[in-house]
C-alpha atoms as a PDB file:
ATOM      1  CA  MET A   1      63.725 164.896 183.536  1.00  0.00           C
ATOM      2  CA  GLY A   2      62.283 167.945 181.768  1.00  0.00           C
ATOM      3  CA  SER A   3      58.797 166.551 181.359  1.00  0.00           C
ATOM      4  CA  ARG A   4      58.644 165.603 185.067  1.00  0.00           C
ATOM      5  CA  THR A   5      59.931 169.006 186.120  1.00  0.00           C
ATOM      6  CA  TRP A   6      57.261 170.834 184.132  1.00  0.00           C
ATOM      7  CA  GLY A   7      54.474 168.315 184.750  1.00  0.00           C
ATOM      8  CA  THR A   8      53.930 167.515 181.109  1.00  0.00           C
ATOM      9  CA  GLN A   9      53.326 164.212 179.375  1.00  0.00           C
ATOM     10  CA  LEU A  10      55.259 163.002 176.375  1.00  0.00           C
ATOM     11  CA  HIS A  11      53.272 161.736 173.372  1.00  0.00           C
ATOM     12  CA  LEU A  12      55.481 159.799 171.031  1.00  0.00           C
ATOM     13  CA  ILE A  13      54.758 159.177 167.385  1.00  0.00           C
ATOM     14  CA  ASP A  14      53.487 155.674 166.701  1.00  0.00           C
ATOM     15  CA  PRO A  15      55.941 153.511 164.770  1.00  0.00           C
ATOM     16  CA  GLY A  16      55.342 153.725 161.039  1.00  0.00           C
ATOM     17  CA  LYS A  17      53.166 156.859 161.373  1.00  0.00           C
ATOM     18  CA  PRO A  18      55.385 159.843 160.442  1.00  0.00           C
ATOM     19  CA  ASN A  19      52.296 161.780 159.328  1.00  0.00           C
ATOM     20  CA  GLN A  20      51.449 162.309 163.029  1.00  0.00           C
ATOM     21  CA  ASN A  21      54.144 164.959 163.032  1.00  0.00           C
ATOM     22  CA  ALA A  22      54.081 166.111 159.431  1.00  0.00           C
ATOM     23  CA  TYR A  23      55.595 169.553 160.038  1.00  0.00           C
ATOM     24  CA  ILE A  24      58.853 168.220 161.524  1.00  0.00           C
ATOM     25  CA  GLU A  25      59.004 165.459 158.927  1.00  0.00           C
ATOM     26  CA  SER A  26      58.708 168.091 156.169  1.00  0.00           C
ATOM     27  CA  PHE A  27      61.359 170.256 157.799  1.00  0.00           C
ATOM     28  CA  ASN A  28      63.709 167.282 158.239  1.00  0.00           C
ATOM     29  CA  GLY A  29      63.291 166.421 154.559  1.00  0.00           C
ATOM     30  CA  ARG A  30      64.050 169.982 153.479  1.00  0.00           C
ATOM     31  CA  LEU A  31      67.114 170.200 155.704  1.00  0.00           C
ATOM     32  CA  ARG A  32      68.392 166.884 154.390  1.00  0.00           C
ATOM     33  CA  ASP A  33      67.698 167.688 150.716  1.00  0.00           C
ATOM     34  CA  GLU A  34      68.650 171.392 150.587  1.00  0.00           C
ATOM     35  CA  CYS A  35      71.630 171.369 152.949  1.00  0.00           C
ATOM     36  CA  LEU A  36      73.035 168.064 154.120  1.00  0.00           C
ATOM     37  CA  LYS A  37      73.029 166.331 150.728  1.00  0.00           C
ATOM     38  CA  GLU A  38      74.395 169.409 148.961  1.00  0.00           C
ATOM     39  CA  HIS A  39      77.632 169.911 150.939  1.00  0.00           C
ATOM     40  CA  TRP A  40      80.747 168.004 151.902  1.00  0.00           C
ATOM     41  CA  PHE A  41      81.665 168.835 155.499  1.00  0.00           C
ATOM     42  CA  PRO A  42      85.438 168.591 156.037  1.00  0.00           C
ATOM     43  CA  SER A  43      85.349 170.032 159.577  1.00  0.00           C
ATOM     44  CA  LEU A  44      82.946 170.815 162.366  1.00  0.00           C
ATOM     45  CA  LEU A  45      83.406 174.548 161.811  1.00  0.00           C
ATOM     46  CA  HIS A  46      82.548 174.179 158.149  1.00  0.00           C
ATOM     47  CA  THR A  47      79.476 172.167 159.107  1.00  0.00           C
ATOM     48  CA  ARG A  48      78.295 174.835 161.541  1.00  0.00           C
ATOM     49  CA  ILE A  49      78.773 177.600 158.975  1.00  0.00           C
ATOM     50  CA  GLU A  50      76.892 175.731 156.223  1.00  0.00           C
ATOM     51  CA  ILE A  51      73.975 174.804 158.486  1.00  0.00           C
ATOM     52  CA  GLU A  52      73.741 178.322 159.916  1.00  0.00           C
ATOM     53  CA  THR A  53      73.783 179.753 156.386  1.00  0.00           C
ATOM     54  CA  TRP A  54      70.995 177.383 155.348  1.00  0.00           C
ATOM     55  CA  ARG A  55      68.988 178.134 158.527  1.00  0.00           C
ATOM     56  CA  ARG A  56      69.147 181.905 157.905  1.00  0.00           C
ATOM     57  CA  GLU A  57      68.189 181.437 154.284  1.00  0.00           C
ATOM     58  CA  TYR A  58      65.270 179.179 155.271  1.00  0.00           C
ATOM     59  CA  ASN A  59      64.019 181.459 158.064  1.00  0.00           C
ATOM     60  CA  GLU A  60      64.700 184.905 156.629  1.00  0.00           C
ATOM     61  CA  LYS A  61      65.054 184.874 152.859  1.00  0.00           C
ATOM     62  CA  GLN A  62      62.679 182.222 151.493  1.00  0.00           C
ATOM     63  CA  PRO A  63      59.161 183.506 150.822  1.00  0.00           C
ATOM     64  CA  LYS A  64      56.557 182.016 153.170  1.00  0.00           C
ATOM     65  CA  LYS A  65      53.022 181.151 152.180  1.00  0.00           C
ATOM     66  CA  ALA A  66      51.663 182.133 155.639  1.00  0.00           C
ATOM     67  CA  ILE A  67      52.749 185.771 155.167  1.00  0.00           C
ATOM     68  CA  GLY A  68      51.630 186.179 151.550  1.00  0.00           C
ATOM     69  CA  TRP A  69      54.694 184.725 149.807  1.00  0.00           C
ATOM     70  CA  VAL A  70      56.951 187.424 151.196  1.00  0.00           C
ATOM     71  CA  ASP A  71      60.259 186.770 152.908  1.00  0.00           C
ATOM     72  CA  ALA A  72      60.536 187.594 156.618  1.00  0.00           C
ATOM     73  CA  CYS A  73      63.159 190.332 156.161  1.00  0.00           C
ATOM     74  CA  ARG A  74      61.017 192.234 153.683  1.00  0.00           C
ATOM     75  CA  LEU A  75      57.993 191.906 155.955  1.00  0.00           C
ATOM     76  CA  CYS A  76      59.979 193.171 158.927  1.00  0.00           C
ATOM     77  CA  LYS A  77      61.187 196.202 156.987  1.00  0.00           C
ATOM     78  CA  ALA A  78      57.661 197.014 155.854  1.00  0.00           C
ATOM     79  CA  VAL A  79      56.330 196.785 159.431  1.00  0.00           C
ATOM     80  CA  LYS A  80      59.167 199.082 160.674  1.00  0.00           C
ATOM     81  CA  VAL A  81      58.417 201.701 158.057  1.00  0.00           C
ATOM     82  CA  LYS A  82      54.668 201.528 158.619  1.00  0.00           C
ATOM     83  CA  SER A  83      54.967 201.750 162.415  1.00  0.00           C
ATOM     84  CA  GLY A  84      57.650 204.472 162.337  1.00  0.00           C
ATOM     85  CA  ILE A  85      60.169 202.581 164.468  1.00  0.00           C
ATOM     86  CA  GLU A  86      63.031 202.528 161.938  1.00  0.00           C
ATOM     87  CA  ASN A  87      65.350 204.296 164.380  1.00  0.00           C
ATOM     88  CA  ASP A  88      64.753 201.978 167.348  1.00  0.00           C
ATOM     89  CA  PRO A  89      68.177 201.058 168.830  1.00  0.00           C
ATOM     90  CA  LEU A  90      67.120 197.431 169.513  1.00  0.00           C
ATOM     91  CA  LEU A  91      66.198 196.970 165.880  1.00  0.00           C
ATOM     92  CA  LYS A  92      69.451 198.578 164.780  1.00  0.00           C
ATOM     93  CA  ALA A  93      71.329 196.038 166.943  1.00  0.00           C
ATOM     94  CA  ARG A  94      69.486 193.168 165.334  1.00  0.00           C
ATOM     95  CA  GLU A  95      70.300 194.533 161.879  1.00  0.00           C
ATOM     96  CA  ARG A  96      73.959 194.680 162.860  1.00  0.00           C
ATOM     97  CA  ARG A  97      73.791 191.015 163.884  1.00  0.00           C
ATOM     98  CA  CYS A  98      72.259 190.213 160.487  1.00  0.00           C
ATOM     99  CA  GLN A  99      75.183 191.980 158.783  1.00  0.00           C
ATOM    100  CA  ILE A 100      77.665 189.935 160.821  1.00  0.00           C
ATOM    101  CA  ALA A 101      75.782 186.732 159.962  1.00  0.00           C
ATOM    102  CA  THR A 102      75.908 187.742 156.278  1.00  0.00           C
ATOM    103  CA  PHE A 103      79.679 188.117 156.583  1.00  0.00           C
ATOM    104  CA  TRP A 104      79.951 184.671 158.005  1.00  0.00           C
ATOM    105  CA  SER A 105      77.774 183.200 155.310  1.00  0.00           C
ATOM    106  CA  HIS A 106      80.261 184.597 152.754  1.00  0.00           C
ATOM    107  CA  ALA A 107      83.199 183.423 154.827  1.00  0.00           C
ATOM    108  CA  LYS A 108      82.293 179.810 154.073  1.00  0.00           C
ATOM    109  CA  SER A 109      84.254 180.062 150.839  1.00  0.00           C
ATOM    110  CA  PHE A 110      87.491 180.683 152.753  1.00  0.00           C
ATOM    111  CA  PRO A 111      89.815 177.667 153.054  1.00  0.00           C
ATOM    112  CA  TRP A 112      89.432 176.605 156.691  1.00  0.00           C
END
């Protein structure tokens, strides 16, 4: 339905050719190896917390080659300081959300 609505064509990966979409194959492998194989998921809530924790670690804390082997949070802070927008209320709200997410990442050790 979505492709018809937007007038796009779907191009599927040929069977036996995972290298046609190497980025997603790489991501799937990392998710499987670094998160799914490392944890036992006794409940849906626990599963959501573990995957969200891993997602934040993957997106925000791990250094990325594309930005000079710096993590995204450190790059964001450097840009804010350099541009002089440290006191922007929208950025402060995002930082507050990051603090809440950090709390939830630590909450995973609670017995649910």
